[in-house]
Amino acid sequence: MARDAKAFLLRIDPAVLAAVRKWAEDDLRSLNGQIEYLLRQAVARRGVKLPDPAGGTDGDDPPAGGVQSGG
């Protein structure tokens, strides 16, 4: 891993997992990247300022060539 990230087990409803996996594919992200993207958005909406991901954007933009889905 390029940055200091913590691994943890996540229990998730299979339908939610499938939807997030599809969304990640649509946005050209890994499943892990998509989950972190969604969590960062949720945390930001709560007013918490996080440092930018190492080597990435502020999390608001889809990757180059990707299409940001509504939600």
Foldseek 3Di string as FASTA:
>chain_A
DPDDDDDDDDDDDPVVLVVLCVQCVQLVHHSVVSVVLVVLVVVVVVVDDDDQPVPDDNSPDGPVPHDHDDD
